[in-house]
Amino acid sequence: KFLLFKNKLQHIDSLSLNESKQLIDILHYLYDCNIIHRDIRRENLMFDSNNNHLKLIDFGFAITYQAEKTPIAGALTLASCEFLISVLQYARRFSFPICYDYKQTFDLECALNLILYMNDFYVHQKIQSIHSLSPPIKKIDAALQFWEEIQRKYTTYSIILHKIKTLTDSSTFDVIKEELENLIDF
């Protein structure tokens, strides 16, 4: 199934502060609808220049939030440390497919990592080098080590991550958007 748009959508290489906030708004809507996209990455973001609005595409891996294990899918290198730890532990004991108990905030943590990836040269270079690793277990391990390093080095990132992990209601999304202003020089 395909959706056709009247307006031409453009791929983007970086996110402005406004576009980053739009991404958080999109995920806020999905959160309220109990939908987890599971594939938050640059290739799934498009820009509608007629409306000056960001679009999230490709819901092929999307699931309805439920408190049970589901087979993993989507981009792994931008996932949360908790997710990467779980995948590594499972992969070392068993084989693929790996199942995970997705948190409702999963996409939000991935989006935070994506925003850094698209706007911070160091993060971008490091993730690019991680993408070239194989087998997948090495890639996952390197991504975990890297995001743990970022948590130690980037104070604002750690603050936003804490707000995501302790999210209790929809108003926290606005706080996260405000904190983005301190994350990077957009």
N, C-alpha and C. Protein backbone atom coordinates (compact mmCIF):
# COMPACT_ATOMS: atom_id res chain seq x y z
N LYS A 1 0.83 -1.18 0.00
CA LYS A 1 0.00 0.00 0.00
C LYS A 1 0.88 1.24 0.00
N PHE A 2 0.46 2.22 -0.74
CA PHE A 2 1.22 3.46 -0.83
C PHE A 2 0.30 4.65 -0.63
N LEU A 3 0.84 5.70 -0.07
CA LEU A 3 0.13 6.96 0.05
C LEU A 3 0.70 7.91 -0.98
N LEU A 4 -0.17 8.62 -1.65
CA LEU A 4 0.28 9.61 -2.62
C LEU A 4 0.03 10.99 -2.04
N PHE A 5 1.02 11.86 -2.16
CA PHE A 5 0.90 13.22 -1.66
C PHE A 5 0.81 14.19 -2.82
N LYS A 6 -0.01 15.21 -2.66
CA LYS A 6 -0.10 16.25 -3.68
C LYS A 6 1.21 17.03 -3.75
N ASN A 7 1.79 17.28 -2.61
CA ASN A 7 3.01 18.07 -2.54
C ASN A 7 4.23 17.16 -2.60
N LYS A 8 5.26 17.67 -3.23
CA LYS A 8 6.50 16.90 -3.31
C LYS A 8 7.22 16.97 -1.97
N LEU A 9 7.62 15.81 -1.48
CA LEU A 9 8.35 15.74 -0.22
C LEU A 9 9.83 15.60 -0.52
N GLN A 10 10.66 16.23 0.31
CA GLN A 10 12.10 16.22 0.09
C GLN A 10 12.80 15.51 1.24
N HIS A 11 13.83 14.75 0.91
CA HIS A 11 14.69 14.16 1.95
C HIS A 11 15.46 15.29 2.61
N ILE A 12 15.84 15.08 3.86
CA ILE A 12 16.59 16.10 4.57
C ILE A 12 17.90 15.51 5.10
N ASP A 13 18.91 16.36 5.21
CA ASP A 13 20.22 15.92 5.69
C ASP A 13 20.51 16.40 7.10
N SER A 14 19.79 17.42 7.54
CA SER A 14 19.95 17.92 8.91
C SER A 14 18.59 18.40 9.39
N LEU A 15 18.49 18.59 10.69
CA LEU A 15 17.24 19.06 11.28
C LEU A 15 17.47 20.41 11.93
N SER A 16 16.65 21.38 11.58
CA SER A 16 16.69 22.66 12.28
C SER A 16 16.04 22.47 13.65
N LEU A 17 16.14 23.47 14.49
CA LEU A 17 15.48 23.40 15.79
C LEU A 17 13.98 23.23 15.61
N ASN A 18 13.41 23.99 14.69
CA ASN A 18 11.97 23.90 14.43
C ASN A 18 11.58 22.51 13.95
N GLU A 19 12.35 21.94 13.04
CA GLU A 19 12.07 20.59 12.53
C GLU A 19 12.25 19.54 13.63
N SER A 20 13.23 19.73 14.49
CA SER A 20 13.43 18.81 15.62
C SER A 20 12.22 18.84 16.55
N LYS A 21 11.71 20.03 16.79
CA LYS A 21 10.51 20.16 17.63
C LYS A 21 9.29 19.55 16.94
N GLN A 22 9.23 19.68 15.61
CA GLN A 22 8.14 19.04 14.86
C GLN A 22 8.22 17.52 15.00
N LEU A 23 9.43 16.99 14.98
CA LEU A 23 9.60 15.54 15.16
C LEU A 23 9.08 15.12 16.53
N ILE A 24 9.39 15.89 17.56
CA ILE A 24 8.88 15.59 18.90
C ILE A 24 7.36 15.66 18.91
N ASP A 25 6.78 16.64 18.20
CA ASP A 25 5.31 16.74 18.12
C ASP A 25 4.71 15.51 17.43
N ILE A 26 5.35 15.06 16.37
CA ILE A 26 4.88 13.86 15.66
C ILE A 26 4.88 12.66 16.62
N LEU A 27 5.96 12.52 17.36
CA LEU A 27 6.07 11.39 18.30
C LEU A 27 5.11 11.54 19.47
N HIS A 28 4.82 12.77 19.83
CA HIS A 28 3.81 13.02 20.87
C HIS A 28 2.45 12.49 20.41
N TYR A 29 2.12 12.79 19.16
CA TYR A 29 0.85 12.29 18.59
C TYR A 29 0.83 10.76 18.58
N LEU A 30 1.92 10.14 18.12
CA LEU A 30 1.98 8.67 18.09
C LEU A 30 1.89 8.10 19.50
N TYR A 31 2.55 8.74 20.45
CA TYR A 31 2.52 8.31 21.86
C TYR A 31 1.07 8.32 22.37
N ASP A 32 0.36 9.40 22.08
CA ASP A 32 -1.03 9.50 22.52
C ASP A 32 -1.93 8.47 21.84
N CYS A 33 -1.52 8.02 20.65
CA CYS A 33 -2.28 6.99 19.91
C CYS A 33 -1.78 5.58 20.21
N ASN A 34 -0.82 5.45 21.13
CA ASN A 34 -0.23 4.15 21.49
C ASN A 34 0.43 3.44 20.31
N ILE A 35 1.09 4.21 19.46
CA ILE A 35 1.79 3.65 18.30
C ILE A 35 3.29 3.84 18.49
N ILE A 36 4.04 2.78 18.24
CA ILE A 36 5.51 2.86 18.25
C ILE A 36 5.98 2.62 16.82
N HIS A 37 6.64 3.60 16.23
CA HIS A 37 7.10 3.55 14.84
C HIS A 37 8.22 2.51 14.66
N ARG A 38 9.17 2.48 15.57
CA ARG A 38 10.29 1.53 15.65
C ARG A 38 11.35 1.69 14.56
N ASP A 39 11.24 2.70 13.70
CA ASP A 39 12.25 2.87 12.66
C ASP A 39 12.54 4.35 12.43
N ILE A 40 12.82 5.04 13.53
CA ILE A 40 13.12 6.47 13.47
C ILE A 40 14.55 6.62 12.95
N ARG A 41 14.66 7.13 11.73
CA ARG A 41 15.96 7.37 11.12
C ARG A 41 15.81 8.41 10.02
N ARG A 42 16.93 8.94 9.59
CA ARG A 42 16.93 10.04 8.62
C ARG A 42 16.14 9.70 7.35
N GLU A 43 16.29 8.49 6.87
CA GLU A 43 15.63 8.10 5.63
C GLU A 43 14.11 8.11 5.75
N ASN A 44 13.60 8.09 6.96
CA ASN A 44 12.15 8.09 7.17
C ASN A 44 11.60 9.46 7.55
N LEU A 45 12.41 10.48 7.35
CA LEU A 45 11.95 11.86 7.55
C LEU A 45 11.93 12.56 6.20
N MET A 46 10.84 13.23 5.92
CA MET A 46 10.70 13.99 4.69
C MET A 46 10.21 15.39 5.06
N PHE A 47 10.48 16.34 4.18
CA PHE A 47 10.07 17.72 4.44
C PHE A 47 9.12 18.17 3.35
N ASP A 48 7.98 18.69 3.77
CA ASP A 48 6.98 19.26 2.86
C ASP A 48 7.25 20.77 2.81
N SER A 49 7.92 21.21 1.75
CA SER A 49 8.31 22.62 1.66
C SER A 49 7.12 23.55 1.43
N ASN A 50 6.02 23.03 0.89
CA ASN A 50 4.83 23.87 0.71
C ASN A 50 4.23 24.28 2.04
N ASN A 51 4.27 23.37 3.01
CA ASN A 51 3.68 23.64 4.32
C ASN A 51 4.73 23.86 5.40
N ASN A 52 6.01 23.80 5.02
CA ASN A 52 7.10 23.93 6.00
C ASN A 52 6.93 22.96 7.15
N HIS A 53 6.69 21.71 6.81
CA HIS A 53 6.41 20.74 7.87
C HIS A 53 7.15 19.43 7.62
N LEU A 54 7.64 18.87 8.70
CA LEU A 54 8.32 17.58 8.68
C LEU A 54 7.29 16.46 8.64
N LYS A 55 7.61 15.40 7.91
CA LYS A 55 6.74 14.23 7.84
C LYS A 55 7.55 12.99 8.22
N LEU A 56 6.93 12.11 8.98
CA LEU A 56 7.53 10.81 9.31
C LEU A 56 6.86 9.79 8.40
N ILE A 57 7.67 9.01 7.70
CA ILE A 57 7.13 8.05 6.74
C ILE A 57 7.52 6.63 7.13
N ASP A 58 7.05 5.69 6.35
CA ASP A 58 7.37 4.26 6.45
C ASP A 58 6.99 3.67 7.81
N PHE A 59 5.74 3.35 7.94
CA PHE A 59 5.22 2.75 9.17
C PHE A 59 5.18 1.22 9.07
N GLY A 60 6.04 0.65 8.21
CA GLY A 60 6.07 -0.79 8.02
C GLY A 60 6.44 -1.59 9.25
N PHE A 61 7.23 -1.01 10.16
CA PHE A 61 7.61 -1.69 11.40
C PHE A 61 6.78 -1.23 12.59
N ALA A 62 5.85 -0.33 12.37
CA ALA A 62 5.07 0.24 13.48
C ALA A 62 4.21 -0.83 14.15
N ILE A 63 4.07 -0.67 15.48
CA ILE A 63 3.23 -1.57 16.26
C ILE A 63 2.39 -0.75 17.22
N THR A 64 1.33 -1.36 17.68
CA THR A 64 0.55 -0.76 18.76
C THR A 64 1.24 -1.10 20.06
N TYR A 65 1.39 -0.09 20.92
CA TYR A 65 2.07 -0.32 22.19
C TYR A 65 1.32 -1.37 23.00
N GLN A 66 2.08 -2.35 23.51
CA GLN A 66 1.53 -3.38 24.38
C GLN A 66 2.64 -3.85 25.30
N ALA A 67 2.30 -4.23 26.47
CA ALA A 67 3.31 -4.65 27.45
C ALA A 67 3.65 -6.13 27.27
N GLU A 68 4.23 -6.45 26.14
CA GLU A 68 4.69 -7.82 25.88
C GLU A 68 5.81 -7.79 24.87
N LYS A 69 6.59 -8.84 24.85
CA LYS A 69 7.74 -8.89 23.95
C LYS A 69 7.28 -9.02 22.50
N THR A 70 7.99 -8.29 21.63
CA THR A 70 7.70 -8.24 20.21
C THR A 70 9.02 -8.38 19.46
N PRO A 71 9.05 -9.07 18.31
CA PRO A 71 10.30 -9.15 17.56
C PRO A 71 10.85 -7.76 17.23
N ILE A 72 12.17 -7.60 17.36
CA ILE A 72 12.76 -6.29 17.09
C ILE A 72 12.73 -5.99 15.59
N ALA A 73 12.70 -4.70 15.29
CA ALA A 73 12.73 -4.24 13.90
C ALA A 73 13.22 -2.80 13.89
N GLY A 74 13.71 -2.36 12.75
CA GLY A 74 14.11 -0.97 12.61
C GLY A 74 15.60 -0.75 12.78
N ALA A 75 15.96 0.53 12.80
CA ALA A 75 17.36 0.94 12.92
C ALA A 75 17.85 0.72 14.34
N LEU A 76 18.91 -0.05 14.49
CA LEU A 76 19.42 -0.39 15.82
C LEU A 76 20.40 0.64 16.36
N THR A 77 21.21 1.24 15.52
CA THR A 77 22.29 2.09 16.01
C THR A 77 21.79 3.38 16.66
N LEU A 78 20.55 3.76 16.43
CA LEU A 78 20.00 4.97 17.04
C LEU A 78 19.10 4.65 18.23
N ALA A 79 19.06 3.41 18.63
CA ALA A 79 18.17 2.98 19.72
C ALA A 79 18.76 3.32 21.09
N SER A 80 17.93 3.19 22.10
CA SER A 80 18.33 3.49 23.48
C SER A 80 19.33 2.46 24.00
N CYS A 81 20.08 2.86 25.01
CA CYS A 81 21.04 1.94 25.64
C CYS A 81 20.32 0.73 26.23
N GLU A 82 19.20 0.96 26.86
CA GLU A 82 18.43 -0.14 27.46
C GLU A 82 18.06 -1.18 26.40
N PHE A 83 17.61 -0.71 25.25
CA PHE A 83 17.26 -1.59 24.14
C PHE A 83 18.50 -2.35 23.66
N LEU A 84 19.60 -1.64 23.45
CA LEU A 84 20.82 -2.26 22.94
C LEU A 84 21.37 -3.30 23.91
N ILE A 85 21.31 -3.01 25.21
CA ILE A 85 21.75 -3.98 26.23
C ILE A 85 20.90 -5.24 26.14
N SER A 86 19.60 -5.07 26.03
CA SER A 86 18.68 -6.20 25.96
C SER A 86 18.96 -7.05 24.71
N VAL A 87 19.16 -6.39 23.59
CA VAL A 87 19.44 -7.10 22.34
C VAL A 87 20.75 -7.87 22.45
N LEU A 88 21.78 -7.24 23.00
CA LEU A 88 23.08 -7.92 23.16
C LEU A 88 22.97 -9.14 24.07
N GLN A 89 22.29 -8.98 25.20
CA GLN A 89 22.14 -10.11 26.13
C GLN A 89 21.40 -11.26 25.47
N TYR A 90 20.35 -10.96 24.75
CA TYR A 90 19.56 -11.99 24.09
C TYR A 90 20.37 -12.65 22.97
N ALA A 91 21.05 -11.83 22.17
CA ALA A 91 21.80 -12.35 21.02
C ALA A 91 22.95 -13.25 21.45
N ARG A 92 23.53 -12.98 22.59
CA ARG A 92 24.65 -13.80 23.06
C ARG A 92 24.18 -15.16 23.58
N ARG A 93 22.93 -15.23 24.02
CA ARG A 93 22.41 -16.50 24.55
C ARG A 93 21.64 -17.28 23.50
N PHE A 94 21.00 -16.59 22.62
CA PHE A 94 20.14 -17.23 21.63
C PHE A 94 20.54 -16.73 20.25
N SER A 95 19.65 -16.87 19.31
CA SER A 95 19.92 -16.33 17.98
C SER A 95 18.73 -15.46 17.57
N PHE A 96 18.84 -14.88 16.40
CA PHE A 96 17.76 -14.05 15.91
C PHE A 96 16.58 -14.93 15.52
N PRO A 97 15.33 -14.53 15.53
CA PRO A 97 14.87 -13.18 15.84
C PRO A 97 14.86 -12.92 17.35
N ILE A 98 15.16 -11.69 17.70
CA ILE A 98 15.20 -11.25 19.09
C ILE A 98 13.91 -10.51 19.40
N CYS A 99 13.37 -10.78 20.57
CA CYS A 99 12.15 -10.09 20.99
C CYS A 99 12.48 -9.09 22.08
N TYR A 100 11.69 -8.03 22.17
CA TYR A 100 11.93 -6.96 23.13
C TYR A 100 10.60 -6.42 23.63
N ASP A 101 10.59 -6.04 24.89
CA ASP A 101 9.42 -5.42 25.50
C ASP A 101 9.53 -3.91 25.27
N TYR A 102 9.04 -3.45 24.12
CA TYR A 102 9.17 -2.04 23.74
C TYR A 102 8.48 -1.13 24.75
N LYS A 103 9.18 -0.07 25.13
CA LYS A 103 8.60 0.96 26.00
C LYS A 103 7.83 1.93 25.11
N GLN A 104 6.84 2.57 25.68
CA GLN A 104 6.05 3.52 24.90
C GLN A 104 6.90 4.72 24.46
N THR A 105 8.00 4.97 25.15
CA THR A 105 8.88 6.10 24.83
C THR A 105 10.04 5.70 23.90
N PHE A 106 10.01 4.50 23.37
CA PHE A 106 11.11 4.01 22.53
C PHE A 106 11.45 4.98 21.40
N ASP A 107 10.45 5.44 20.66
CA ASP A 107 10.69 6.33 19.52
C ASP A 107 11.30 7.65 19.96
N LEU A 108 10.92 8.13 21.12
CA LEU A 108 11.41 9.41 21.62
C LEU A 108 12.92 9.35 21.88
N GLU A 109 13.39 8.25 22.46
CA GLU A 109 14.83 8.08 22.68
C GLU A 109 15.57 7.97 21.34
N CYS A 110 14.99 7.25 20.40
CA CYS A 110 15.60 7.14 19.07
C CYS A 110 15.65 8.51 18.39
N ALA A 111 14.60 9.30 18.55
CA ALA A 111 14.55 10.63 17.94
C ALA A 111 15.62 11.54 18.53
N LEU A 112 15.83 11.46 19.82
CA LEU A 112 16.88 12.26 20.46
C LEU A 112 18.24 11.89 19.86
N ASN A 113 18.48 10.61 19.69
CA ASN A 113 19.74 10.15 19.08
C ASN A 113 19.84 10.60 17.62
N LEU A 114 18.73 10.55 16.92
CA LEU A 114 18.71 10.99 15.52
C LEU A 114 19.00 12.49 15.41
N ILE A 115 18.41 13.28 16.27
CA ILE A 115 18.64 14.73 16.25
C ILE A 115 20.13 15.02 16.45
N LEU A 116 20.74 14.32 17.39
CA LEU A 116 22.19 14.49 17.59
C LEU A 116 22.96 14.03 16.35
N TYR A 117 22.60 12.88 15.83
CA TYR A 117 23.27 12.32 14.65
C TYR A 117 23.21 13.29 13.47
N MET A 118 22.08 13.93 13.28
CA MET A 118 21.90 14.80 12.12
C MET A 118 22.49 16.20 12.31
N ASN A 119 22.86 16.55 13.53
CA ASN A 119 23.31 17.92 13.79
C ASN A 119 24.66 18.05 14.47
N ASP A 120 25.24 16.97 14.89
CA ASP A 120 26.52 17.02 15.58
C ASP A 120 27.54 16.23 14.76
N PHE A 121 28.58 16.90 14.28
CA PHE A 121 29.54 16.27 13.38
C PHE A 121 30.20 15.04 14.01
N TYR A 122 30.61 15.16 15.27
CA TYR A 122 31.26 14.04 15.96
C TYR A 122 30.34 12.83 16.02
N VAL A 123 29.10 13.05 16.43
CA VAL A 123 28.13 11.96 16.53
C VAL A 123 27.89 11.35 15.16
N HIS A 124 27.74 12.19 14.16
CA HIS A 124 27.50 11.70 12.79
C HIS A 124 28.65 10.81 12.32
N GLN A 125 29.88 11.28 12.49
CA GLN A 125 31.05 10.51 12.07
C GLN A 125 31.13 9.17 12.80
N LYS A 126 30.89 9.20 14.08
CA LYS A 126 30.99 7.98 14.89
C LYS A 126 29.93 6.95 14.47
N ILE A 127 28.69 7.40 14.29
CA ILE A 127 27.62 6.49 13.88
C ILE A 127 27.90 5.94 12.49
N GLN A 128 28.42 6.77 11.59
CA GLN A 128 28.78 6.29 10.25
C GLN A 128 29.82 5.17 10.35
N SER A 129 30.80 5.32 11.22
CA SER A 129 31.81 4.27 11.36
C SER A 129 31.21 3.01 11.98
N ILE A 130 30.26 3.17 12.88
CA ILE A 130 29.58 2.02 13.48
C ILE A 130 28.77 1.27 12.44
N HIS A 131 28.14 2.01 11.52
CA HIS A 131 27.34 1.37 10.46
C HIS A 131 28.17 0.43 9.60
N SER A 132 29.46 0.70 9.48
CA SER A 132 30.31 -0.13 8.61
C SER A 132 30.78 -1.42 9.28
N LEU A 133 30.50 -1.57 10.57
CA LEU A 133 30.95 -2.78 11.29
C LEU A 133 30.10 -4.00 10.94
N SER A 134 30.72 -5.16 11.05
CA SER A 134 29.98 -6.42 10.95
C SER A 134 30.74 -7.45 11.76
N PRO A 135 30.09 -8.46 12.25
CA PRO A 135 28.67 -8.79 12.15
C PRO A 135 27.81 -7.83 12.98
N PRO A 136 26.49 -7.96 12.87
CA PRO A 136 25.57 -7.05 13.57
C PRO A 136 25.84 -6.93 15.07
N ILE A 137 26.29 -7.98 15.71
CA ILE A 137 26.54 -7.94 17.15
C ILE A 137 27.63 -6.91 17.49
N LYS A 138 28.64 -6.78 16.62
CA LYS A 138 29.69 -5.77 16.82
C LYS A 138 29.12 -4.36 16.67
N LYS A 139 28.24 -4.21 15.70
CA LYS A 139 27.60 -2.92 15.46
C LYS A 139 26.77 -2.51 16.67
N ILE A 140 26.01 -3.45 17.21
CA ILE A 140 25.15 -3.17 18.37
C ILE A 140 26.01 -2.84 19.59
N ASP A 141 27.06 -3.60 19.81
CA ASP A 141 27.95 -3.36 20.94
C ASP A 141 28.63 -1.99 20.84
N ALA A 142 29.10 -1.64 19.65
CA ALA A 142 29.74 -0.34 19.44
C ALA A 142 28.75 0.81 19.65
N ALA A 143 27.52 0.62 19.17
CA ALA A 143 26.49 1.65 19.36
C ALA A 143 26.20 1.85 20.84
N LEU A 144 26.09 0.75 21.58
CA LEU A 144 25.85 0.84 23.02
C LEU A 144 26.97 1.62 23.71
N GLN A 145 28.21 1.26 23.43
CA GLN A 145 29.34 1.95 24.05
C GLN A 145 29.33 3.44 23.70
N PHE A 146 29.00 3.73 22.46
CA PHE A 146 29.00 5.13 22.02
C PHE A 146 27.91 5.94 22.73
N TRP A 147 26.68 5.42 22.78
CA TRP A 147 25.58 6.18 23.42
C TRP A 147 25.81 6.31 24.92
N GLU A 148 26.47 5.34 25.53
CA GLU A 148 26.83 5.48 26.95
C GLU A 148 27.86 6.59 27.13
N GLU A 149 28.79 6.69 26.18
CA GLU A 149 29.78 7.78 26.22
C GLU A 149 29.09 9.14 26.07
N ILE A 150 28.14 9.22 25.16
CA ILE A 150 27.41 10.47 24.94
C ILE A 150 26.66 10.87 26.21
N GLN A 151 26.07 9.91 26.89
CA GLN A 151 25.37 10.21 28.16
C GLN A 151 26.33 10.83 29.18
N ARG A 152 27.56 10.35 29.21
CA ARG A 152 28.54 10.89 30.16
C ARG A 152 29.04 12.27 29.76
N LYS A 153 29.19 12.51 28.46
CA LYS A 153 29.82 13.74 27.98
C LYS A 153 28.84 14.89 27.71
N TYR A 154 27.62 14.59 27.32
CA TYR A 154 26.66 15.63 26.94
C TYR A 154 25.62 15.78 28.05
N THR A 155 25.79 16.79 28.87
CA THR A 155 24.90 16.99 30.01
C THR A 155 23.45 17.19 29.59
N THR A 156 23.22 18.04 28.60
CA THR A 156 21.84 18.29 28.16
C THR A 156 21.20 17.03 27.61
N TYR A 157 21.96 16.23 26.89
CA TYR A 157 21.47 14.95 26.38
C TYR A 157 21.00 14.09 27.54
N SER A 158 21.81 13.99 28.58
CA SER A 158 21.46 13.18 29.76
C SER A 158 20.21 13.71 30.45
N ILE A 159 20.07 15.03 30.51
CA ILE A 159 18.88 15.64 31.12
C ILE A 159 17.63 15.27 30.32
N ILE A 160 17.71 15.42 29.00
CA ILE A 160 16.56 15.09 28.15
C ILE A 160 16.25 13.60 28.25
N LEU A 161 17.27 12.78 28.23
CA LEU A 161 17.08 11.33 28.33
C LEU A 161 16.37 10.97 29.64
N HIS A 162 16.76 11.61 30.72
CA HIS A 162 16.10 11.37 32.01
C HIS A 162 14.63 11.77 31.95
N LYS A 163 14.33 12.88 31.31
CA LYS A 163 12.94 13.33 31.18
C LYS A 163 12.12 12.32 30.36
N ILE A 164 12.75 11.76 29.33
CA ILE A 164 12.07 10.75 28.52
C ILE A 164 11.80 9.49 29.35
N LYS A 165 12.80 9.04 30.07
CA LYS A 165 12.67 7.81 30.86
C LYS A 165 11.66 7.94 31.99
N THR A 166 11.46 9.16 32.47
CA THR A 166 10.52 9.37 33.59
C THR A 166 9.23 10.03 33.12
N LEU A 167 8.99 10.00 31.83
CA LEU A 167 7.80 10.63 31.26
C LEU A 167 6.54 10.02 31.87
N THR A 168 5.70 10.87 32.40
CA THR A 168 4.45 10.38 33.01
C THR A 168 3.21 10.95 32.34
N ASP A 169 3.35 12.09 31.69
CA ASP A 169 2.19 12.64 30.99
C ASP A 169 2.63 13.44 29.77
N SER A 170 1.67 13.83 28.97
CA SER A 170 1.95 14.48 27.69
C SER A 170 2.64 15.83 27.83
N SER A 171 2.52 16.49 28.96
CA SER A 171 3.13 17.81 29.12
C SER A 171 4.66 17.74 29.07
N THR A 172 5.22 16.59 29.35
CA THR A 172 6.68 16.42 29.31
C THR A 172 7.23 16.63 27.90
N PHE A 173 6.43 16.38 26.88
CA PHE A 173 6.88 16.58 25.50
C PHE A 173 7.27 18.04 25.27
N ASP A 174 6.51 18.97 25.84
CA ASP A 174 6.84 20.40 25.70
C ASP A 174 8.15 20.73 26.40
N VAL A 175 8.38 20.13 27.55
CA VAL A 175 9.63 20.33 28.28
C VAL A 175 10.81 19.81 27.46
N ILE A 176 10.63 18.66 26.84
CA ILE A 176 11.68 18.08 25.99
C ILE A 176 11.99 19.02 24.83
N LYS A 177 10.95 19.57 24.21
CA LYS A 177 11.17 20.51 23.09
C LYS A 177 11.95 21.74 23.55
N GLU A 178 11.66 22.23 24.73
CA GLU A 178 12.40 23.38 25.26
C GLU A 178 13.86 23.02 25.50
N GLU A 179 14.11 21.84 26.02
CA GLU A 179 15.48 21.40 26.30
C GLU A 179 16.31 21.22 25.03
N LEU A 180 15.65 20.93 23.91
CA LEU A 180 16.38 20.76 22.65
C LEU A 180 17.19 22.00 22.30
N GLU A 181 16.70 23.16 22.71
CA GLU A 181 17.40 24.41 22.42
C GLU A 181 18.80 24.43 23.04
N ASN A 182 18.99 23.69 24.12
CA ASN A 182 20.29 23.64 24.79
C ASN A 182 21.17 22.48 24.32
N LEU A 183 20.62 21.61 23.50
CA LEU A 183 21.34 20.40 23.10
C LEU A 183 22.44 20.67 22.08
N ILE A 184 22.10 21.44 21.06
CA ILE A 184 23.03 21.67 19.95
C ILE A 184 22.90 23.12 19.50
N ASP A 185 23.91 23.61 18.81
CA ASP A 185 23.80 24.91 18.15
C ASP A 185 23.15 24.69 16.80
N PHE A 186 21.85 24.92 16.76
CA PHE A 186 21.11 24.70 15.51
C PHE A 186 21.41 25.79 14.50
